């Protein structure tokens, strides 16, 4: 091989080596956008946040009209089931931002490809499950109705049941209803007043303790027992305040 040919080979090899990292980075970026969020590596300090690679971009400004809201809802809906929680949050924002009657008028635009009833269900999903992290979201089923039943349990109980493997992507609607019946039996007081809302929150706390109990260690059970007994003493003192003081 001549000196000129050798130099040409070296130059070609060097150019290929310099181009390879750029190609790898481009291929890596493309691959990341094809992977589900749960498969992406977690960045430092990013726990509890959804991956931004494939996240649906937020609107630059709050839509100014019913028609604009309808177009934005349609845009997010067209992204597919992977963005159901984004759609649910957007619907909740629309319901809270539109003037009186605007929420109902959304369905007169004939742009939204699902019913108002389905939208109401998604509003509940967005409100009750918005605090789930990316790993938990990746374990949720895709069906809107199934998600609605799970949302009625509250995000803390849902996260616990995901950790126990009782909630997973293949969970059926019937199984979700069974979980709801188990942890929130029919006849529980509807949260139509302040007292009823407190009843519901306390009921969820009891359900959470019962669901978490099998996974607690002996030390954890002793600690929780001590905490609950202290709380019971506070309740007793608030009911019978005179009993706190010694009698003469």
Protein backbone atom coordinates (compact mmCIF):
# COMPACT_ATOMS: atom_id res chain seq x y z
CA UNK A 1 0.00 0.00 0.00
CA UNK A 2 1.36 3.44 -0.90
CA UNK A 3 1.85 6.21 1.62
CA UNK A 4 -0.98 8.14 0.02
CA UNK A 5 -3.34 5.16 0.28
CA UNK A 6 -2.38 4.60 3.91
CA UNK A 7 -3.09 8.24 4.76
CA UNK A 8 -6.46 8.03 3.04
CA UNK A 9 -7.38 4.91 5.05
CA UNK A 10 -6.36 6.56 8.31
CA UNK A 11 -8.38 9.67 7.46
CA UNK A 12 -11.43 7.59 6.55
CA UNK A 13 -11.17 5.58 9.78
CA UNK A 14 -10.81 8.76 11.85
CA UNK A 15 -13.84 10.34 10.18
CA UNK A 16 -15.89 7.21 10.87
CA UNK A 17 -14.82 7.23 14.53
CA UNK A 18 -15.82 10.88 14.89
CA UNK A 19 -19.20 10.29 13.28
CA UNK A 20 -20.01 7.22 15.38
CA UNK A 21 -20.78 9.01 18.71
CA UNK A 22 -23.20 11.36 16.95
CA UNK A 23 -24.96 8.40 15.33
CA UNK A 24 -25.09 6.56 18.66
CA UNK A 25 -26.57 9.59 20.37
CA UNK A 26 -29.18 9.99 17.68
CA UNK A 27 -30.06 6.30 17.79
CA UNK A 28 -30.17 6.40 21.59
CA UNK A 29 -32.55 9.35 21.59
CA UNK A 30 -34.81 7.62 19.12
CA UNK A 31 -34.77 4.43 21.18
CA UNK A 32 -35.63 6.30 24.37
CA UNK A 33 -38.75 7.72 22.76
CA UNK A 34 -39.86 4.21 21.83
CA UNK A 35 -39.37 2.78 25.31
CA UNK A 36 -42.10 2.99 27.97
CA UNK A 37 -41.42 5.43 30.77
CA UNK A 38 -40.79 2.63 33.27
CA UNK A 39 -37.92 1.32 31.10
CA UNK A 40 -36.04 4.61 30.99
CA UNK A 41 -33.18 5.16 33.47
CA UNK A 42 -34.11 7.42 36.36
CA UNK A 43 -32.11 10.62 36.57
CA UNK A 44 -30.75 11.92 39.85
CA UNK A 45 -33.34 13.89 41.72
CA UNK A 46 -36.04 12.83 39.30
CA UNK A 47 -37.94 10.35 41.43
CA UNK A 48 -41.65 10.83 41.26
CA UNK A 49 -41.53 12.76 37.97
CA UNK A 50 -42.71 11.50 34.62
CA UNK A 51 -40.14 11.07 31.85
CA UNK A 52 -40.09 14.14 29.59
CA UNK A 53 -38.85 12.42 26.42
CA UNK A 54 -42.26 11.50 25.10
CA UNK A 55 -44.43 13.67 27.35
CA UNK A 56 -47.23 15.50 25.63
CA UNK A 57 -46.32 19.23 25.58
CA UNK A 58 -48.55 21.49 27.62
CA UNK A 59 -50.45 24.27 25.88
CA UNK A 60 -48.49 27.52 25.85
CA UNK A 61 -51.51 29.36 27.27
CA UNK A 62 -54.87 28.45 28.75
CA UNK A 63 -57.34 28.04 25.86
CA UNK A 64 -59.52 31.13 25.57
CA UNK A 65 -62.68 29.55 24.20
CA UNK A 66 -64.73 26.37 24.25
CA UNK A 67 -63.58 25.65 20.70
CA UNK A 68 -59.92 26.06 21.71
CA UNK A 69 -60.40 23.70 24.67
CA UNK A 70 -62.03 21.14 22.38
CA UNK A 71 -59.09 21.28 19.96
CA UNK A 72 -56.56 20.87 22.79
CA UNK A 73 -58.49 17.92 24.26
CA UNK A 74 -58.65 16.32 20.81
CA UNK A 75 -54.89 16.80 20.38
CA UNK A 76 -54.05 15.03 23.63
CA UNK A 77 -56.64 12.28 23.01
CA UNK A 78 -55.07 11.56 19.60
CA UNK A 79 -51.77 10.67 21.31
CA UNK A 80 -53.28 7.36 22.45
CA UNK A 81 -53.75 5.43 25.73
CA UNK A 82 -50.23 6.18 26.99
CA UNK A 83 -51.34 9.74 27.73
CA UNK A 84 -54.61 8.98 29.51
CA UNK A 85 -53.54 10.75 32.71
CA UNK A 86 -52.47 13.81 30.71
CA UNK A 87 -55.91 13.81 29.11
CA UNK A 88 -57.56 13.38 32.51
CA UNK A 89 -55.66 16.32 33.98
CA UNK A 90 -56.48 18.48 30.97
CA UNK A 91 -60.18 17.69 31.27
CA UNK A 92 -60.09 18.64 34.94
CA UNK A 93 -58.40 21.92 34.04
CA UNK A 94 -61.01 22.59 31.37
CA UNK A 95 -63.88 21.90 33.72
CA UNK A 96 -62.45 24.24 36.34
CA UNK A 97 -61.60 27.03 33.88
CA UNK A 98 -64.63 27.18 31.62
CA UNK A 99 -67.44 29.59 32.57
CA UNK A 100 -70.86 28.36 33.62
CA UNK A 101 -72.29 26.16 30.88
CA UNK A 102 -68.97 25.94 29.03
CA UNK A 103 -68.26 22.39 30.16
CA UNK A 104 -71.54 21.19 28.67
CA UNK A 105 -71.00 23.22 25.49
CA UNK A 106 -67.77 21.32 24.84
CA UNK A 107 -69.88 18.46 23.51
CA UNK A 108 -71.82 20.70 21.14
CA UNK A 109 -68.63 21.36 19.15
CA UNK A 110 -68.80 17.76 17.87
CA UNK A 111 -65.00 17.61 18.01
CA UNK A 112 -64.57 15.52 21.15
CA UNK A 113 -64.75 11.80 20.24
CA UNK A 114 -66.05 10.56 23.61
CA UNK A 115 -69.06 11.23 25.79
CA UNK A 116 -69.44 13.74 28.59
CA UNK A 117 -69.94 10.84 31.00
CA UNK A 118 -66.54 9.42 30.05
CA UNK A 119 -65.02 12.86 30.54
CA UNK A 120 -66.52 13.10 34.04
CA UNK A 121 -64.92 9.75 34.87
CA UNK A 122 -61.55 10.95 33.60
CA UNK A 123 -61.80 14.10 35.72
CA UNK A 124 -62.02 11.83 38.79
CA UNK A 125 -59.05 9.81 37.52
CA UNK A 126 -56.95 12.95 37.03
CA UNK A 127 -57.85 14.36 40.44
CA UNK A 128 -57.34 11.17 42.47
CA UNK A 129 -54.32 9.65 40.72
CA UNK A 130 -52.30 12.73 39.80
CA UNK A 131 -49.74 12.12 42.58
CA UNK A 132 -48.67 8.70 41.31
CA UNK A 133 -45.06 8.54 40.10
CA UNK A 134 -43.99 7.30 36.66
CA UNK A 135 -43.28 3.75 37.85
CA UNK A 136 -46.77 3.43 39.33
CA UNK A 137 -48.43 4.97 36.27
CA UNK A 138 -46.69 2.39 34.09
CA UNK A 139 -48.41 -0.38 36.09
CA UNK A 140 -51.94 0.95 35.57
CA UNK A 141 -54.43 -0.64 33.15
CA UNK A 142 -55.41 1.31 30.03
CA UNK A 143 -59.21 1.07 30.22
CA UNK A 144 -60.83 4.35 31.27
CA UNK A 145 -63.60 2.64 33.21
CA UNK A 146 -61.11 0.39 35.01
CA UNK A 147 -59.02 3.45 35.91
CA UNK A 148 -62.13 5.17 37.25
CA UNK A 149 -62.83 2.32 39.68
CA UNK A 150 -59.21 2.41 40.84
CA UNK A 151 -59.29 6.20 41.21
CA UNK A 152 -62.17 5.84 43.66
CA UNK A 153 -59.71 4.06 45.98
CA UNK A 154 -57.39 7.08 46.19
CA UNK A 155 -53.76 7.29 45.09
CA UNK A 156 -52.23 6.03 48.36
CA UNK A 157 -54.18 2.77 48.34
CA UNK A 158 -53.64 2.36 44.59
CA UNK A 159 -49.89 2.75 45.04
CA UNK A 160 -49.91 0.19 47.84
CA UNK A 161 -51.89 -2.33 45.78
CA UNK A 162 -49.54 -1.81 42.83
CA UNK A 163 -46.64 -2.68 45.12
CA UNK A 164 -48.46 -5.84 46.19
CA UNK A 165 -49.06 -6.82 42.56
CA UNK A 166 -52.84 -6.60 42.88
CA UNK A 167 -53.01 -3.75 40.38
CA UNK A 168 -51.23 -4.34 37.08
CA UNK A 169 -51.64 -3.44 33.38
CA UNK A 170 -53.79 -6.52 32.66
CA UNK A 171 -56.27 -5.79 35.45
CA UNK A 172 -59.83 -6.15 34.16
CA UNK A 173 -62.82 -3.95 34.84
CA UNK A 174 -64.42 -6.70 36.94
CA UNK A 175 -61.25 -7.08 39.03
CA UNK A 176 -61.09 -3.33 39.61
CA UNK A 177 -64.71 -3.31 40.73
CA UNK A 178 -63.93 -6.18 43.10
CA UNK A 179 -61.08 -4.16 44.64
CA UNK A 180 -63.41 -1.19 45.05
CA UNK A 181 -66.02 -3.40 46.72
CA UNK A 182 -63.36 -4.85 49.03
CA UNK A 183 -61.90 -1.56 50.22
CA UNK A 184 -64.91 0.72 49.79
CA UNK A 185 -68.09 -1.31 50.34
CA UNK A 186 -71.39 -0.20 48.86
CA UNK A 187 -73.37 2.02 51.18
CA UNK A 188 -70.42 4.10 52.29
CA UNK A 189 -71.55 7.67 52.89
CA UNK A 190 -71.27 9.85 49.80
CA UNK A 191 -69.08 12.94 50.30
CA UNK A 192 -71.83 15.55 49.92
CA UNK A 193 -71.02 17.45 53.10
CA UNK A 194 -68.01 18.27 55.23
CA UNK A 195 -68.85 15.53 57.72
CA UNK A 196 -69.35 12.95 54.97
CA UNK A 197 -66.06 13.93 53.35
CA UNK A 198 -64.26 13.38 56.66
CA UNK A 199 -65.98 10.02 57.01
CA UNK A 200 -64.70 9.04 53.61
CA UNK A 201 -61.14 10.11 54.37
CA UNK A 202 -61.14 8.23 57.66
CA UNK A 203 -62.55 5.15 55.93
CA UNK A 204 -59.72 5.30 53.42
CA UNK A 205 -57.21 5.56 56.26
CA UNK A 206 -58.66 2.41 57.85
CA UNK A 207 -58.54 0.65 54.48
CA UNK A 208 -54.93 1.71 54.02
CA UNK A 209 -53.91 0.31 57.41
CA UNK A 210 -55.66 -3.00 56.75
CA UNK A 211 -54.10 -3.34 53.31
CA UNK A 212 -50.60 -2.43 54.53
CA UNK A 213 -50.69 -4.59 57.67
CA UNK A 214 -49.49 -7.87 56.07
CA UNK A 215 -46.37 -6.16 54.72
CA UNK A 216 -45.36 -4.49 58.00
CA UNK A 217 -42.61 -5.97 60.12
CA UNK A 218 -43.14 -6.70 63.82
CA UNK A 219 -41.32 -3.47 64.67
CA UNK A 220 -43.52 -1.46 62.31
CA UNK A 221 -46.67 -3.00 63.78
CA UNK A 222 -45.56 -2.13 67.30
CA UNK A 223 -44.79 1.45 66.23
CA UNK A 224 -48.15 1.89 64.47
CA UNK A 225 -49.95 0.40 67.47
CA UNK A 226 -48.28 2.91 69.77
CA UNK A 227 -49.18 5.77 67.45
CA UNK A 228 -52.80 4.67 67.14
CA UNK A 229 -53.15 4.20 70.89
CA UNK A 230 -51.82 7.73 71.43
CA UNK A 231 -54.37 8.98 68.92
CA UNK A 232 -57.11 7.04 70.70
CA UNK A 233 -56.11 8.72 73.99
CA UNK A 234 -56.42 12.12 72.31
CA UNK A 235 -59.88 11.21 71.05
CA UNK A 236 -60.92 10.00 74.50
CA UNK A 237 -59.67 13.20 76.12
CA UNK A 238 -61.59 15.32 73.61
CA UNK A 239 -64.80 13.41 74.39
CA UNK A 240 -64.35 13.46 78.18
CA UNK A 241 -62.19 16.52 78.94
CA UNK A 242 -63.09 16.49 82.66
CA UNK A 243 -61.59 13.03 83.09
CA UNK A 244 -58.14 14.51 82.41
CA UNK A 245 -58.11 16.31 85.74
CA UNK A 246 -57.83 14.59 89.13
CA UNK A 247 -60.83 14.89 91.41
CA UNK A 248 -60.45 16.50 94.88
